Protein backbone atom coordinates (compact mmCIF):
# COMPACT_ATOMS: atom_id res chain seq x y z
CA UNK A 1 -31.64 -30.47 2.65
CA UNK A 2 -33.64 -29.58 5.79
CA UNK A 3 -32.79 -25.90 5.31
CA UNK A 4 -33.93 -25.96 1.67
CA UNK A 5 -37.22 -27.63 2.62
CA UNK A 6 -37.70 -25.00 5.35
CA UNK A 7 -37.14 -22.23 2.78
CA UNK A 8 -39.65 -23.86 0.42
CA UNK A 9 -42.24 -24.16 3.20
CA UNK A 10 -41.74 -20.50 4.09
CA UNK A 11 -42.22 -19.47 0.47
CA UNK A 12 -45.41 -21.55 0.19
CA UNK A 13 -46.82 -20.09 3.43
CA UNK A 14 -46.00 -16.55 2.31
CA UNK A 15 -47.64 -17.24 -1.04
CA UNK A 16 -50.87 -18.42 0.56
CA UNK A 17 -50.94 -15.52 3.02
CA UNK A 18 -50.37 -12.98 0.26
CA UNK A 19 -53.03 -14.64 -1.87
CA UNK A 20 -55.57 -14.44 0.93
CA UNK A 21 -54.69 -10.81 1.70
CA UNK A 22 -55.10 -9.80 -1.93
CA UNK A 23 -58.19 -11.96 -2.58
CA UNK A 24 -56.23 -13.78 -5.26
CA UNK A 25 -57.49 -16.80 -7.11
CA UNK A 26 -55.72 -19.94 -5.89
CA UNK A 27 -55.55 -23.28 -7.64
CA UNK A 28 -54.22 -26.68 -6.65
CA UNK A 29 -53.76 -29.52 -9.08
CA UNK A 30 -51.85 -32.48 -10.38
CA UNK A 31 -49.77 -32.85 -13.52
CA UNK A 32 -47.75 -35.46 -15.35
CA UNK A 33 -45.95 -36.18 -18.58
CA UNK A 34 -42.69 -37.08 -20.27
CA UNK A 35 -39.14 -35.80 -19.77
CA UNK A 36 -36.30 -36.01 -22.31
CA UNK A 37 -33.03 -35.27 -20.53
CA UNK A 38 -29.30 -35.42 -21.17
CA UNK A 39 -26.01 -34.68 -19.42
CA UNK A 40 -23.73 -31.92 -20.71
CA UNK A 41 -20.10 -31.09 -20.01
CA UNK A 42 -18.20 -28.20 -21.61
CA UNK A 43 -20.36 -28.22 -24.72
CA UNK A 44 -20.40 -32.00 -25.11
CA UNK A 45 -23.64 -33.89 -24.49
CA UNK A 46 -24.81 -37.46 -24.02
CA UNK A 47 -27.73 -39.29 -25.55
CA UNK A 48 -31.21 -38.62 -24.16
CA UNK A 49 -32.94 -40.52 -21.39
CA UNK A 50 -36.74 -40.48 -21.75
CA UNK A 51 -38.56 -40.72 -18.43
CA UNK A 52 -41.52 -39.69 -16.30
CA UNK A 53 -42.16 -36.32 -14.68
CA UNK A 54 -45.18 -35.50 -12.56
CA UNK A 55 -46.56 -34.33 -9.27
CA UNK A 56 -48.66 -31.51 -7.81
CA UNK A 57 -48.75 -27.74 -7.88
CA UNK A 58 -50.09 -24.67 -6.10
CA UNK A 59 -50.86 -21.51 -8.10
CA UNK A 60 -51.83 -18.08 -6.75
CA UNK A 61 -52.94 -15.45 -9.28
CA UNK A 62 -52.54 -11.92 -7.95
CA UNK A 63 -54.07 -10.38 -11.07
CA UNK A 64 -55.31 -11.44 -14.49
CA UNK A 65 -51.77 -10.97 -15.80
CA UNK A 66 -49.52 -12.37 -13.06
CA UNK A 67 -49.27 -15.34 -10.73
CA UNK A 68 -46.80 -17.46 -8.77
CA UNK A 69 -46.71 -21.27 -8.95
CA UNK A 70 -44.90 -23.77 -6.75
CA UNK A 71 -44.61 -27.35 -8.02
CA UNK A 72 -43.52 -30.57 -6.39
CA UNK A 73 -42.39 -33.05 -9.05
CA UNK A 74 -40.84 -36.48 -9.35
CA UNK A 75 -38.41 -35.89 -12.21
CA UNK A 76 -36.47 -38.63 -14.02
CA UNK A 77 -33.23 -37.29 -15.50
CA UNK A 78 -29.91 -38.74 -16.66
CA UNK A 79 -28.57 -40.03 -19.97
CA UNK A 80 -28.69 -42.97 -22.37
CA UNK A 81 -26.13 -44.23 -24.90
CA UNK A 82 -26.44 -47.11 -27.37
CA UNK A 83 -23.96 -48.60 -29.84
CA UNK A 84 -24.00 -51.92 -31.70
CA UNK A 85 -26.72 -53.30 -29.45
CA UNK A 86 -24.92 -52.40 -26.23
CA UNK A 87 -26.53 -49.81 -23.97
CA UNK A 88 -25.70 -47.72 -20.94
CA UNK A 89 -28.25 -45.69 -18.99
CA UNK A 90 -27.52 -43.26 -16.17
CA UNK A 91 -30.68 -42.97 -14.06
CA UNK A 92 -30.82 -39.80 -11.96
CA UNK A 93 -34.20 -39.25 -10.29
CA UNK A 94 -35.06 -36.13 -8.30
CA UNK A 95 -37.77 -34.67 -6.14
CA UNK A 96 -37.85 -31.20 -7.65
CA UNK A 97 -39.49 -27.96 -6.49
CA UNK A 98 -39.78 -25.27 -9.20
CA UNK A 99 -40.75 -21.79 -7.94
CA UNK A 100 -42.16 -20.09 -11.02
CA UNK A 101 -43.34 -16.59 -11.87
CA UNK A 102 -46.21 -16.89 -14.35
CA UNK A 103 -47.37 -14.29 -16.89
CA UNK A 104 -50.90 -14.79 -18.30
CA UNK A 105 -52.04 -13.76 -21.79
CA UNK A 106 -55.82 -14.19 -22.31
CA UNK A 107 -56.85 -16.11 -25.44
CA UNK A 108 -60.57 -15.70 -24.83
CA UNK A 109 -63.05 -16.05 -21.99
CA UNK A 110 -62.08 -19.65 -21.23
CA UNK A 111 -58.43 -19.94 -22.31
CA UNK A 112 -55.10 -18.28 -21.64
CA UNK A 113 -51.46 -18.58 -22.66
CA UNK A 114 -48.91 -18.78 -19.84
CA UNK A 115 -45.21 -17.96 -19.87
CA UNK A 116 -43.27 -19.02 -16.78
CA UNK A 117 -39.80 -19.20 -15.35
CA UNK A 118 -37.84 -19.42 -12.14
CA UNK A 119 -35.42 -21.40 -9.97
CA UNK A 120 -35.70 -25.09 -9.11
CA UNK A 121 -34.55 -26.98 -6.03
CA UNK A 122 -33.83 -30.65 -6.72
CA UNK A 123 -33.08 -33.49 -4.28
CA UNK A 124 -31.58 -36.67 -5.70
CA UNK A 125 -33.47 -39.81 -4.65
CA UNK A 126 -31.99 -42.32 -7.11
CA UNK A 127 -28.63 -42.62 -8.87
CA UNK A 128 -28.11 -45.82 -10.82
CA UNK A 129 -26.08 -47.10 -13.76
CA UNK A 130 -27.64 -49.78 -15.98
CA UNK A 131 -25.54 -51.54 -18.63
CA UNK A 132 -26.54 -54.05 -21.29
CA UNK A 133 -23.68 -55.98 -22.96
CA UNK A 134 -24.23 -58.92 -25.27
CA UNK A 135 -27.88 -59.16 -24.23
CA UNK A 136 -27.04 -59.31 -20.52
CA UNK A 137 -28.25 -56.45 -18.33
CA UNK A 138 -26.74 -55.43 -14.99
CA UNK A 139 -27.32 -52.41 -12.78
CA UNK A 140 -25.99 -50.88 -9.61
CA UNK A 141 -25.85 -47.73 -7.54
CA UNK A 142 -23.90 -44.82 -8.99
CA UNK A 143 -21.62 -43.19 -6.42
CA UNK A 144 -20.43 -39.61 -6.33
CA UNK A 145 -23.75 -37.92 -7.18
CA UNK A 146 -24.62 -34.69 -5.37
CA UNK A 147 -27.72 -34.92 -3.20
CA UNK A 148 -28.84 -31.38 -4.14
CA UNK A 149 -29.25 -29.69 -7.52
CA UNK A 150 -30.02 -26.04 -8.21
CA UNK A 151 -31.41 -25.20 -11.64
CA UNK A 152 -33.55 -22.91 -13.77
CA UNK A 153 -36.78 -23.68 -15.63
CA UNK A 154 -38.39 -21.72 -18.51
CA UNK A 155 -41.54 -22.65 -20.39
CA UNK A 156 -44.97 -21.91 -21.77
CA UNK A 157 -48.40 -23.51 -21.66
CA UNK A 158 -52.11 -23.15 -22.32
CA UNK A 159 -54.93 -23.44 -19.75
CA UNK A 160 -58.63 -24.03 -20.47
CA UNK A 161 -61.54 -23.51 -18.09
CA UNK A 162 -63.65 -26.69 -18.21
CA UNK A 163 -66.50 -26.21 -15.78
CA UNK A 164 -65.28 -26.74 -12.21
CA UNK A 165 -61.72 -27.63 -13.28
CA UNK A 166 -58.89 -26.11 -15.29
CA UNK A 167 -57.19 -28.28 -17.92
CA UNK A 168 -53.72 -27.42 -19.12
CA UNK A 169 -50.66 -28.48 -21.05
CA UNK A 170 -47.17 -27.01 -20.86
CA UNK A 171 -43.70 -27.50 -22.26
CA UNK A 172 -40.53 -26.50 -20.45
CA UNK A 173 -36.77 -26.39 -20.74
CA UNK A 174 -34.67 -26.95 -17.65
CA UNK A 175 -30.95 -26.71 -17.02
CA UNK A 176 -28.93 -27.54 -13.94
CA UNK A 177 -26.68 -24.78 -12.62
CA UNK A 178 -24.83 -26.97 -10.13
CA UNK A 179 -22.81 -30.06 -11.09
CA UNK A 180 -24.34 -33.52 -10.92
CA UNK A 181 -21.15 -35.09 -9.56
CA UNK A 182 -19.62 -34.33 -6.18
CA UNK A 183 -16.12 -34.28 -7.72
CA UNK A 184 -16.87 -31.12 -9.68
CA UNK A 185 -16.45 -32.72 -13.11
CA UNK A 186 -18.74 -30.13 -14.75
CA UNK A 187 -21.54 -32.53 -15.81
CA UNK A 188 -25.01 -30.96 -15.61
CA UNK A 189 -28.58 -32.04 -16.33
CA UNK A 190 -30.39 -30.43 -19.25
CA UNK A 191 -33.51 -31.13 -21.28
CA UNK A 192 -37.20 -30.76 -22.00
CA UNK A 193 -40.47 -31.92 -20.46
CA UNK A 194 -44.10 -31.86 -21.57
CA UNK A 195 -46.93 -32.24 -19.05
CA UNK A 196 -50.70 -32.19 -18.93
CA UNK A 197 -52.51 -30.91 -15.82
CA UNK A 198 -55.86 -30.68 -14.08
CA UNK A 199 -56.43 -27.93 -11.54
CA UNK A 200 -59.08 -27.13 -8.95
CA UNK A 201 -59.76 -23.46 -8.10
CA UNK A 202 -59.99 -22.83 -4.34
CA UNK A 203 -60.56 -19.08 -4.24
CA UNK A 204 -62.25 -16.20 -6.02
CA UNK A 205 -61.08 -12.76 -7.03
């Protein structure tokens, strides 16, 4: 984990240095929304768990067409199953760092369409199983969950200049490349998220 955080810090420092050298427009902001995730295994999938996703981001635009964005998100993943009033929820929460290449398509003077994609580094901070049987709910820690997850994120969004801030909304699809379980059972996280954002420009072209 320490090595991955070091790599992320190096990437962020390089991004800022390159942005300054190229007089790029930088932007910092916060974002938040809803995630709808499931677990998959050899083509089979579970029911969805709906949760929270949100955090902060740093964006450096090197031109009007291209930028690089690093995000730090709290991301609730897992699965949910329900049958005849009984429920089971696997709660897998991560601190996730997407490193995203961003392509900009202008929609006018004050709006643009973004397409983005790249790798994600996820660190598990919660793994819990919650079961409801006959109206009685019990929960406990879920063992055997990997502490690190590597994945890929793809998505699109729209940004609007609103005076001194930039308002945005994006939707994304993410899939885990590495297994959730430490026993190599093949289960992986997969799903969608929608977030709104507010950004603050900190540089000029």
